[in-house]
Amino acid sequence: MPDIRLNCQKMDSLKRSITRPGIEKFVCITAAQAILISPAAAQTNAELPPISPQPAQPHSTQPSATPSPFNFQQFNSAQQNGTAQAAPATVFPPMQNAPIAQPFPMPLPLGGHENDPYIRGKMLIKQATDMITGGQLDSAIALLQKSMEYRKIDPTPQFLLGLIYDQKGNPQMALNNYTWSVKKATSLGMDSSQLRINLANTLVKLNYWKEAEFDYRRAIEIDDKNEIAHLNYGRLLLFKGDFAGAFRQLQRAHELMATDPNLPLYEALALKGLGNLEESRLQLKEFLDRAKGINTDPRVINMAENLLAGMK
């Protein structure tokens, strides 16, 4: 179920006036949607610092002062600042995005009809979501842009546009759209861990580590049971050389039954950084055993094998 945080005290501000010939109705968030409300978490929305579409300073890619088991930068094959780079001989496993879903179930007019512009916009979003699932990304872009003419305050279209540009390998455009989605959502007293995870992943690709850490932590604040948020936050902390912090996040992902096959590899790297070579070797062996039955990048397997060989 998508995660939403809504400030109940601002309910009146979410009312939308729908006017049709001779009829004027008001709608707001329904009681069913209010099940997901968490007033304590929602109170923090107004205090969120603004997110710039272009963060002022990228995180330094210089090696951390904390000793690292190896140079993580050599494994970062993501596109940097929108410029494609050739993949190195060895790569680090990719991040997980949140599943394609509707993170913001905006209310519909009472007794509305498909010819109503507000409902028409909702239908376009649904069609675009199906196209994204089917790989028709360019067609989905056109539908989402059209839907924004009907649903100007809905943060969902730009969340999905961010997802599309992420899949198309354009992290800067993904960042722009995710940022606008956050701004729209928080202006309504809403937030989503799905959106925060994808935004943070994009920031990591652009080397904005400090900003990414904020959004991973925000995703966890919204939903502490989101294993992808813990997994990707742990991955980022590995890059930063915070092995104790990384291991805590990865262990939480483990407790939540995270399905990413690379989790044992990440745990092995954190344990190696903490000096626990015996447990690190066990996790590397578990990763390699799992990798045999799935479509794992052979360069990642090679990295793990080299690490294991170096600890014997």
Protein backbone atom coordinates (compact mmCIF):
# COMPACT_ATOMS: atom_id res chain seq x y z
CA MET A 1 0.00 0.00 0.00
CA PRO A 2 1.45 3.43 -0.91
CA ASP A 3 2.63 5.44 2.06
CA ILE A 4 1.16 8.88 2.60
CA ARG A 5 1.44 11.33 5.45
CA LEU A 6 -1.30 13.94 5.64
CA ASN A 7 -1.64 16.73 8.19
CA CYS A 8 -5.19 16.39 9.49
CA GLN A 9 -5.18 19.91 10.83
CA LYS A 10 -4.84 21.19 7.27
CA MET A 11 -7.74 19.13 5.93
CA ASP A 12 -9.77 22.18 4.98
CA SER A 13 -6.96 23.45 2.80
CA LEU A 14 -7.18 20.29 0.69
CA LYS A 15 -10.80 20.89 -0.29
CA ARG A 16 -11.25 21.32 -4.01
CA SER A 17 -14.21 23.17 -5.41
CA ILE A 18 -15.77 21.38 -8.40
CA THR A 19 -18.29 23.44 -10.32
CA ARG A 20 -20.57 22.07 -13.02
CA PRO A 21 -23.81 23.48 -14.48
CA GLY A 22 -26.02 24.25 -11.52
CA ILE A 23 -23.99 22.16 -9.08
CA GLU A 24 -21.19 23.13 -6.72
CA LYS A 25 -19.59 20.43 -4.61
CA PHE A 26 -16.63 20.27 -2.32
CA VAL A 27 -14.44 17.24 -1.81
CA CYS A 28 -11.59 16.46 0.55
CA ILE A 29 -9.57 13.48 1.66
CA THR A 30 -11.90 10.62 2.55
CA ALA A 31 -11.98 8.68 5.81
CA ALA A 32 -10.56 5.64 4.02
CA GLN A 33 -7.52 7.60 2.88
CA ALA A 34 -7.19 9.09 6.35
CA ILE A 35 -6.32 5.62 7.69
CA LEU A 36 -2.76 6.32 6.54
CA ILE A 37 -2.55 9.64 8.38
CA SER A 38 0.24 10.22 10.89
CA PRO A 39 -0.13 13.73 12.37
CA ALA A 40 3.17 13.51 14.23
CA ALA A 41 5.11 12.80 11.03
CA ALA A 42 3.06 15.28 9.03
CA GLN A 43 3.98 18.11 11.37
CA THR A 44 7.55 17.90 10.09
CA ASN A 45 6.53 18.59 6.49
CA ALA A 46 6.36 22.33 6.98
CA GLU A 47 9.87 22.26 8.42
CA LEU A 48 11.47 20.49 5.46
CA PRO A 49 14.20 22.58 3.86
CA PRO A 50 13.49 23.49 0.25
CA ILE A 51 15.03 21.16 -2.32
CA SER A 52 16.73 22.90 -5.21
CA PRO A 53 16.39 21.36 -8.68
CA GLN A 54 20.17 21.84 -8.87
CA PRO A 55 21.84 21.43 -5.47
CA ALA A 56 24.49 24.06 -4.92
CA GLN A 57 27.47 21.81 -4.23
CA PRO A 58 27.96 18.19 -5.27
CA HIS A 59 29.36 15.93 -2.60
CA SER A 60 33.08 15.61 -2.86
CA THR A 61 34.19 12.36 -4.48
CA GLN A 62 37.53 12.46 -2.68
CA PRO A 63 38.26 9.37 -0.55
CA SER A 64 36.85 9.49 2.97
CA ALA A 65 39.20 10.05 5.87
CA THR A 66 37.85 6.77 7.28
CA PRO A 67 39.83 3.81 5.89
CA SER A 68 37.83 2.01 3.21
CA PRO A 69 38.13 -1.69 2.30
CA PHE A 70 38.57 -0.51 -1.27
CA ASN A 71 37.90 2.53 -3.41
CA PHE A 72 34.13 2.56 -3.94
CA GLN A 73 34.43 5.26 -6.59
CA GLN A 74 35.87 2.79 -9.09
CA PHE A 75 32.58 0.88 -8.91
CA ASN A 76 30.30 3.85 -9.53
CA SER A 77 29.21 3.34 -13.14
CA ALA A 78 26.21 5.70 -12.91
CA GLN A 79 25.96 8.61 -15.32
CA GLN A 80 27.50 11.66 -13.71
CA ASN A 81 25.87 15.07 -14.09
CA GLY A 82 23.89 13.89 -17.09
CA THR A 83 26.94 12.78 -19.08
CA ALA A 84 27.17 9.15 -20.09
CA GLN A 85 30.41 7.38 -19.22
CA ALA A 86 31.74 4.03 -20.29
CA ALA A 87 31.20 1.34 -17.68
CA PRO A 88 34.44 0.29 -15.95
CA ALA A 89 35.66 -3.28 -15.93
CA THR A 90 34.18 -3.70 -12.47
CA VAL A 91 30.89 -2.15 -11.35
CA PHE A 92 29.05 -1.70 -8.09
CA PRO A 93 25.50 -3.14 -8.00
CA PRO A 94 22.77 -0.63 -8.93
CA MET A 95 20.33 0.94 -6.49
CA GLN A 96 16.72 -0.19 -6.21
CA ASN A 97 13.96 2.26 -7.10
CA ALA A 98 10.62 2.10 -5.34
CA PRO A 99 8.04 0.01 -7.26
CA ILE A 100 5.91 1.78 -9.85
CA ALA A 101 2.81 2.83 -7.95
CA GLN A 102 0.49 5.75 -7.29
CA PRO A 103 2.09 7.33 -4.20
CA PHE A 104 -0.52 10.10 -3.98
CA PRO A 105 -4.17 8.91 -4.23
CA MET A 106 -5.69 12.34 -4.77
CA PRO A 107 -9.47 12.64 -4.13
CA LEU A 108 -11.98 12.63 -6.98
CA PRO A 109 -15.10 14.82 -7.30
CA LEU A 110 -18.22 13.40 -5.72
CA GLY A 111 -20.44 11.98 -8.43
CA GLY A 112 -17.90 12.94 -11.08
CA HIS A 113 -18.03 11.88 -14.72
CA GLU A 114 -15.21 10.92 -17.08
CA ASN A 115 -15.76 14.15 -19.01
CA ASP A 116 -14.93 16.14 -15.88
CA PRO A 117 -11.42 17.58 -16.42
CA TYR A 118 -10.25 16.48 -12.97
CA ILE A 119 -11.29 12.87 -13.61
CA ARG A 120 -9.93 13.04 -17.15
CA GLY A 121 -6.53 13.92 -15.70
CA LYS A 122 -6.74 10.92 -13.37
CA MET A 123 -7.52 8.64 -16.32
CA LEU A 124 -4.50 9.99 -18.23
CA ILE A 125 -2.26 9.25 -15.25
CA LYS A 126 -3.56 5.67 -15.13
CA GLN A 127 -2.95 5.20 -18.87
CA ALA A 128 0.57 6.64 -18.52
CA THR A 129 1.33 4.28 -15.62
CA ASP A 130 0.31 1.31 -17.76
CA MET A 131 2.55 2.59 -20.59
CA ILE A 132 5.52 2.91 -18.23
CA THR A 133 5.02 -0.69 -17.15
CA GLY A 134 4.91 -1.68 -20.82
CA GLY A 135 8.05 0.27 -21.69
CA GLN A 136 6.29 2.96 -23.78
CA LEU A 137 8.12 5.78 -22.06
CA ASP A 138 7.86 8.54 -24.69
CA SER A 139 4.11 8.02 -25.10
CA ALA A 140 3.71 8.12 -21.33
CA ILE A 141 5.54 11.48 -21.17
CA ALA A 142 2.99 13.07 -23.50
CA LEU A 143 0.06 11.77 -21.44
CA LEU A 144 1.56 12.93 -18.16
CA GLN A 145 2.24 16.40 -19.53
CA LYS A 146 -1.39 16.58 -20.67
CA SER A 147 -2.64 15.34 -17.29
CA MET A 148 -0.94 18.27 -15.54
CA GLU A 149 -3.24 20.65 -17.42
CA TYR A 150 -6.18 19.03 -15.61
CA ARG A 151 -4.58 18.25 -12.23
CA LYS A 152 -2.26 21.15 -11.54
CA ILE A 153 -1.79 20.42 -7.83
CA ASP A 154 -1.40 16.64 -8.12
CA PRO A 155 2.25 15.61 -7.46
CA THR A 156 1.77 12.21 -9.15
CA PRO A 157 2.47 13.19 -12.81
CA GLN A 158 5.87 14.64 -12.00
CA PHE A 159 6.72 11.68 -9.77
CA LEU A 160 6.08 9.43 -12.79
CA LEU A 161 7.98 11.77 -15.13
CA GLY A 162 10.94 11.54 -12.78
CA LEU A 163 10.69 7.75 -12.92
CA ILE A 164 10.62 7.84 -16.74
CA TYR A 165 13.65 10.10 -17.09
CA ASP A 166 15.47 7.94 -14.56
CA GLN A 167 14.80 4.89 -16.73
CA LYS A 168 15.87 6.83 -19.82
CA GLY A 169 19.24 7.61 -18.22
CA ASN A 170 18.67 11.34 -17.72
CA PRO A 171 19.20 11.90 -13.96
CA GLN A 172 19.10 15.70 -14.20
CA MET A 173 15.59 15.69 -15.73
CA ALA A 174 14.59 13.02 -13.20
CA LEU A 175 15.85 15.27 -10.41
CA ASN A 176 13.91 18.26 -11.71
CA ASN A 177 10.64 16.33 -11.82
CA TYR A 178 11.09 14.57 -8.48
CA THR A 179 11.87 17.94 -6.91
CA TRP A 180 8.67 19.50 -8.24
CA SER A 181 6.71 16.48 -7.06
CA VAL A 182 8.10 16.94 -3.53
CA LYS A 183 7.23 20.63 -3.57
CA LYS A 184 3.66 19.96 -4.67
CA ALA A 185 3.21 17.14 -2.16
CA THR A 186 4.56 19.03 0.83
CA SER A 187 2.46 22.08 -0.06
CA LEU A 188 -0.55 19.80 0.43
CA GLY A 189 0.78 18.41 3.71
CA MET A 190 1.61 15.09 2.03
CA ASP A 191 4.79 13.09 1.55
CA SER A 192 5.81 9.68 0.21
CA SER A 193 8.68 7.32 0.97
CA GLN A 194 8.49 6.07 -2.64
CA LEU A 195 9.19 9.57 -3.93
CA ARG A 196 11.94 10.22 -1.38
CA ILE A 197 13.73 6.96 -2.26
CA ASN A 198 13.72 7.70 -5.99
CA LEU A 199 14.80 11.30 -5.40
CA ALA A 200 17.66 10.16 -3.18
CA ASN A 201 18.76 7.54 -5.74
CA THR A 202 18.92 10.24 -8.41
CA LEU A 203 20.92 12.53 -6.12
CA VAL A 204 23.43 9.70 -5.53
CA LYS A 205 23.85 9.30 -9.30
CA LEU A 206 24.68 13.00 -9.50
CA ASN A 207 27.10 12.74 -6.52
CA TYR A 208 24.92 14.86 -4.19
CA TRP A 209 25.46 12.59 -1.22
CA LYS A 210 24.48 14.99 1.55
CA GLU A 211 21.16 15.77 -0.10
CA ALA A 212 20.56 12.08 -0.83
CA GLU A 213 21.15 11.17 2.81
CA PHE A 214 18.46 13.66 3.86
CA ASP A 215 15.91 12.06 1.55
CA TYR A 216 16.74 8.46 2.54
CA ARG A 217 16.32 9.43 6.17
CA ARG A 218 13.07 11.18 5.32
CA ALA A 219 11.81 8.04 3.55
CA ILE A 220 12.61 6.00 6.67
CA GLU A 221 10.92 8.58 8.89
CA ILE A 222 7.77 8.21 6.81
CA ASP A 223 7.92 4.40 6.71
CA ASP A 224 10.49 2.62 8.85
CA LYS A 225 9.36 -0.71 7.34
CA ASN A 226 10.43 0.24 3.83
CA GLU A 227 13.29 -2.18 3.22
CA ILE A 228 14.42 -0.40 0.02
CA ALA A 229 14.97 2.84 1.94
CA HIS A 230 17.18 1.07 4.51
CA LEU A 231 19.00 -0.90 1.81
CA ASN A 232 19.86 2.12 -0.34
CA TYR A 233 20.73 4.27 2.68
CA GLY A 234 23.12 1.56 3.82
CA ARG A 235 24.61 1.48 0.32
CA LEU A 236 25.22 5.24 0.46
CA LEU A 237 26.84 4.99 3.90
CA LEU A 238 29.25 2.41 2.46
CA PHE A 239 30.35 5.00 -0.08
CA LYS A 240 30.83 7.52 2.72
CA GLY A 241 32.96 5.10 4.74
CA ASP A 242 30.46 4.95 7.64
CA PHE A 243 30.62 1.17 8.02
CA ALA A 244 28.90 1.01 11.40
CA GLY A 245 25.99 3.12 10.12
CA ALA A 246 25.85 1.13 6.90
CA PHE A 247 25.71 -2.18 8.77
CA ARG A 248 22.84 -0.94 10.98
CA GLN A 249 20.79 0.05 7.93
CA LEU A 250 21.60 -3.17 6.07
CA GLN A 251 20.70 -5.26 9.11
CA ARG A 252 17.34 -3.46 9.27
CA ALA A 253 16.79 -4.25 5.59
CA HIS A 254 17.69 -7.87 6.40
CA GLU A 255 15.13 -7.95 9.24
CA LEU A 256 12.49 -6.63 6.83
CA MET A 257 13.24 -9.48 4.40
CA ALA A 258 14.75 -7.30 1.68
CA THR A 259 14.86 -9.28 -1.57
CA ASP A 260 17.80 -7.54 -3.24
CA PRO A 261 20.29 -10.33 -4.04
CA ASN A 262 23.16 -7.90 -3.43
CA LEU A 263 22.32 -7.44 0.27
CA PRO A 264 24.86 -10.07 1.45
CA LEU A 265 27.54 -8.32 -0.62
CA TYR A 266 26.76 -4.96 0.98
CA GLU A 267 26.80 -6.55 4.44
CA ALA A 268 30.14 -8.18 3.63
CA LEU A 269 31.64 -4.82 2.66
CA ALA A 270 30.38 -3.19 5.85
CA LEU A 271 31.74 -6.03 7.97
CA LYS A 272 35.10 -5.87 6.19
CA GLY A 273 35.25 -2.15 6.88
CA LEU A 274 34.56 -2.89 10.56
CA GLY A 275 37.38 -5.43 10.62
CA ASN A 276 35.15 -8.49 11.02
CA LEU A 277 36.76 -10.56 8.27
CA GLU A 278 35.28 -13.91 9.31
CA GLU A 279 31.67 -12.72 9.04
CA SER A 280 32.55 -10.77 5.90
CA ARG A 281 33.80 -13.97 4.23
CA LEU A 282 30.58 -15.78 5.16
CA GLN A 283 28.46 -13.03 3.60
CA LEU A 284 30.58 -13.00 0.45
CA LYS A 285 30.13 -16.77 0.10
CA GLU A 286 26.37 -16.37 0.57
CA PHE A 287 26.28 -13.68 -2.12
CA LEU A 288 28.26 -15.83 -4.56
CA ASP A 289 26.02 -18.84 -3.88
CA ARG A 290 22.94 -16.74 -4.62
CA ALA A 291 24.51 -15.15 -7.70
CA LYS A 292 24.86 -18.51 -9.41
CA GLY A 293 21.10 -18.86 -9.84
CA ILE A 294 20.25 -15.31 -10.95
CA ASN A 295 21.26 -12.92 -13.68
CA THR A 296 24.00 -11.10 -11.76
CA ASP A 297 26.45 -8.84 -13.58
CA PRO A 298 29.63 -10.94 -14.00
CA ARG A 299 31.72 -7.90 -13.09
CA VAL A 300 30.02 -7.74 -9.69
CA ILE A 301 30.66 -11.45 -9.20
CA ASN A 302 34.31 -10.90 -10.14
CA MET A 303 34.58 -8.12 -7.58
CA ALA A 304 33.19 -10.37 -4.84
CA GLU A 305 35.48 -13.24 -5.80
CA ASN A 306 38.52 -10.96 -5.70
CA LEU A 307 37.53 -9.63 -2.29
CA LEU A 308 37.05 -13.13 -0.94
CA ALA A 309 40.38 -14.31 -2.35
CA GLY A 310 42.12 -11.33 -0.73
CA MET A 311 40.82 -12.29 2.73
CA LYS A 312 42.11 -15.88 2.70
